[in-house]
Amino acid sequence: MINLGNLSPQKGSTKQRKRVGRGHGSGHGKTAGRGHKGFKARSGSGVKMGFEGGQMPLQRRLPKRGFHNKFGKQFALISLSQLEAFNGTEITVDALVEAGMVKKGSLVKVLANGEISKAVNVKVDKISKSAKELIEKAGGTVVVPEVSAE
């Protein structure tokens, strides 16, 4: 009867690992299958990713495109309809993080998508002009930190 205790692999399906550099008797001693001298015989050698045998690599042949502004800031966007569904009247970045609407450490901008009918106090990093007007029209207040011109 076959069970887990007496299972074995089929004959010829497994091989011993090649243990290189373990003496002449192993058949893989001395140069350990690397041959004599040359780039591929050295430690740490081997063809690096993107190497094309001396030909100019693809990533260097293609032209550079676009521009990345290293001073640019990414804002998490919140709409007025999301603020309408938010429980509570004091809306801060920390409260939005706690509610799971934005990730911790992100800058928040409120946009005028949707409607708002309740009076809320909003303290965020940025807000659109029309969103500010709609919040104040509903009886709420908006506090945005002043950015100093350097």
Protein backbone atom coordinates (compact mmCIF):
# COMPACT_ATOMS: atom_id res chain seq x y z
CA MET A 1 0.00 0.00 0.00
CA ILE A 2 1.32 3.47 -0.91
CA ASN A 3 1.22 6.24 1.69
CA LEU A 4 3.20 9.41 2.44
CA GLY A 5 5.82 7.46 4.39
CA ASN A 6 6.98 5.31 1.47
CA LEU A 7 6.63 7.66 -1.54
CA SER A 8 9.76 8.19 -3.64
CA PRO A 9 10.40 10.05 -6.92
CA GLN A 10 10.32 8.17 -10.19
CA LYS A 11 13.63 6.69 -11.35
CA GLY A 12 15.69 9.25 -13.32
CA SER A 13 13.50 12.22 -12.38
CA THR A 14 15.93 13.70 -9.85
CA LYS A 15 19.61 14.67 -10.19
CA GLN A 16 22.36 15.45 -7.73
CA ARG A 17 23.30 19.13 -7.46
CA LYS A 18 26.56 20.07 -9.26
CA ARG A 19 28.99 20.97 -6.44
CA VAL A 20 31.72 22.95 -8.19
CA GLY A 21 35.15 23.73 -6.76
CA ARG A 22 35.26 20.70 -4.43
CA GLY A 23 38.44 19.00 -5.64
CA HIS A 24 39.65 17.02 -8.67
CA GLY A 25 37.77 13.87 -7.76
CA SER A 26 34.42 15.59 -8.20
CA GLY A 27 35.09 16.32 -11.86
CA HIS A 28 34.36 20.01 -11.21
CA GLY A 29 37.51 21.01 -9.33
CA LYS A 30 40.30 23.52 -10.09
CA THR A 31 38.59 26.04 -12.42
CA ALA A 32 35.11 24.85 -11.36
CA GLY A 33 33.71 24.73 -14.89
CA ARG A 34 34.74 28.31 -15.68
CA GLY A 35 37.66 27.54 -18.01
CA HIS A 36 40.95 29.47 -17.94
CA LYS A 37 41.08 33.26 -17.45
CA GLY A 38 38.85 35.72 -19.28
CA PHE A 39 35.88 37.80 -18.27
CA LYS A 40 33.56 34.90 -17.51
CA ALA A 41 36.15 33.20 -15.27
CA ARG A 42 36.29 36.15 -12.86
CA SER A 43 34.15 36.50 -9.77
CA GLY A 44 31.37 39.04 -10.06
CA SER A 45 31.41 38.77 -13.83
CA GLY A 46 28.52 37.91 -16.07
CA VAL A 47 26.55 39.83 -18.65
CA LYS A 48 24.80 42.75 -16.99
CA MET A 49 21.15 43.53 -17.64
CA GLY A 50 20.71 45.46 -20.88
CA PHE A 51 24.18 44.55 -22.23
CA GLU A 52 24.06 43.86 -25.97
CA GLY A 53 27.58 42.64 -26.69
CA GLY A 54 29.09 46.12 -27.06
CA GLN A 55 26.32 47.40 -29.32
CA MET A 56 24.73 50.61 -28.04
CA PRO A 57 22.01 49.35 -25.66
CA LEU A 58 18.36 50.00 -26.41
CA GLN A 59 17.85 52.21 -23.36
CA ARG A 60 20.61 54.50 -24.66
CA ARG A 61 19.51 54.42 -28.31
CA LEU A 62 16.00 55.68 -27.56
CA PRO A 63 15.46 59.44 -27.17
CA LYS A 64 14.59 60.90 -23.79
CA ARG A 65 10.99 62.11 -23.45
CA GLY A 66 9.06 64.27 -21.05
CA PHE A 67 9.89 66.24 -17.97
CA HIS A 68 9.74 65.39 -14.28
CA ASN A 69 9.35 68.32 -11.92
CA LYS A 70 11.27 67.39 -8.79
CA PHE A 71 9.58 70.23 -6.90
CA GLY A 72 6.05 69.23 -8.00
CA LYS A 73 3.55 68.24 -5.34
CA GLN A 74 0.96 65.46 -5.66
CA PHE A 75 -2.40 66.25 -4.07
CA ALA A 76 -5.05 63.77 -2.97
CA LEU A 77 -8.31 65.06 -4.47
CA ILE A 78 -11.51 65.24 -2.42
CA SER A 79 -14.83 66.33 -3.92
CA LEU A 80 -17.65 68.24 -2.24
CA SER A 81 -19.93 65.19 -2.57
CA GLN A 82 -17.41 63.24 -0.44
CA LEU A 83 -17.47 66.02 2.17
CA GLU A 84 -21.28 65.88 2.14
CA ALA A 85 -21.12 62.17 3.04
CA PHE A 86 -18.45 62.78 5.70
CA ASN A 87 -19.65 62.48 9.30
CA GLY A 88 -18.78 65.49 11.42
CA THR A 89 -18.47 69.21 10.88
CA GLU A 90 -14.70 69.58 11.46
CA ILE A 91 -12.87 68.36 8.35
CA THR A 92 -9.08 68.24 8.61
CA VAL A 93 -6.41 66.20 6.83
CA ASP A 94 -6.08 63.98 9.94
CA ALA A 95 -9.85 63.36 10.01
CA LEU A 96 -9.81 62.40 6.32
CA VAL A 97 -6.91 60.00 6.95
CA GLU A 98 -8.80 58.45 9.88
CA ALA A 99 -11.87 58.00 7.67
CA GLY A 100 -9.70 56.27 5.03
CA MET A 101 -10.39 58.86 2.32
CA VAL A 102 -6.73 59.84 1.85
CA LYS A 103 -3.37 58.26 2.69
CA LYS A 104 -1.32 59.44 5.65
CA GLY A 105 1.20 62.16 4.79
CA SER A 106 -0.51 63.27 1.58
CA LEU A 107 -1.50 66.82 0.68
CA VAL A 108 -5.25 67.34 0.25
CA LYS A 109 -7.10 69.52 -2.26
CA VAL A 110 -10.88 69.99 -2.27
CA LEU A 111 -12.60 70.29 -5.66
CA ALA A 112 -16.12 71.52 -6.43
CA ASN A 113 -17.47 68.21 -7.75
CA GLY A 114 -20.99 67.71 -6.43
CA GLU A 115 -23.05 69.70 -3.95
CA ILE A 116 -22.78 70.46 -0.25
CA SER A 117 -25.72 71.46 1.92
CA LYS A 118 -24.37 71.25 5.50
CA ALA A 119 -22.11 73.78 7.23
CA VAL A 120 -18.61 72.33 7.64
CA ASN A 121 -15.28 73.74 8.83
CA VAL A 122 -12.61 72.71 6.32
CA LYS A 123 -8.87 72.87 7.09
CA VAL A 124 -6.94 71.47 4.11
CA ASP A 125 -3.78 72.23 2.12
CA LYS A 126 -5.53 73.58 -0.99
CA ILE A 127 -9.05 74.29 -2.23
CA SER A 128 -10.52 75.40 -5.53
CA LYS A 129 -12.15 78.83 -5.73
CA SER A 130 -15.59 77.46 -6.61
CA ALA A 131 -15.44 74.83 -3.84
CA LYS A 132 -14.60 77.55 -1.31
CA GLU A 133 -17.56 79.63 -2.49
CA LEU A 134 -19.97 76.68 -2.24
CA ILE A 135 -18.81 75.76 1.29
CA GLU A 136 -19.13 79.37 2.50
CA LYS A 137 -22.54 79.63 0.79
CA ALA A 138 -23.69 76.57 2.80
CA GLY A 139 -22.59 78.35 6.01
CA GLY A 140 -19.21 76.70 6.49
CA THR A 141 -15.69 78.06 6.87
CA VAL A 142 -12.47 77.35 4.95
CA VAL A 143 -8.95 77.59 6.38
CA VAL A 144 -6.00 77.15 4.00
CA PRO A 145 -2.42 77.71 5.25
CA GLU A 146 -0.68 80.68 3.65
CA VAL A 147 2.22 79.83 1.32
CA SER A 148 5.13 82.23 1.72
CA ALA A 149 6.69 83.52 -1.52
CA GLU A 150 10.40 82.66 -1.32
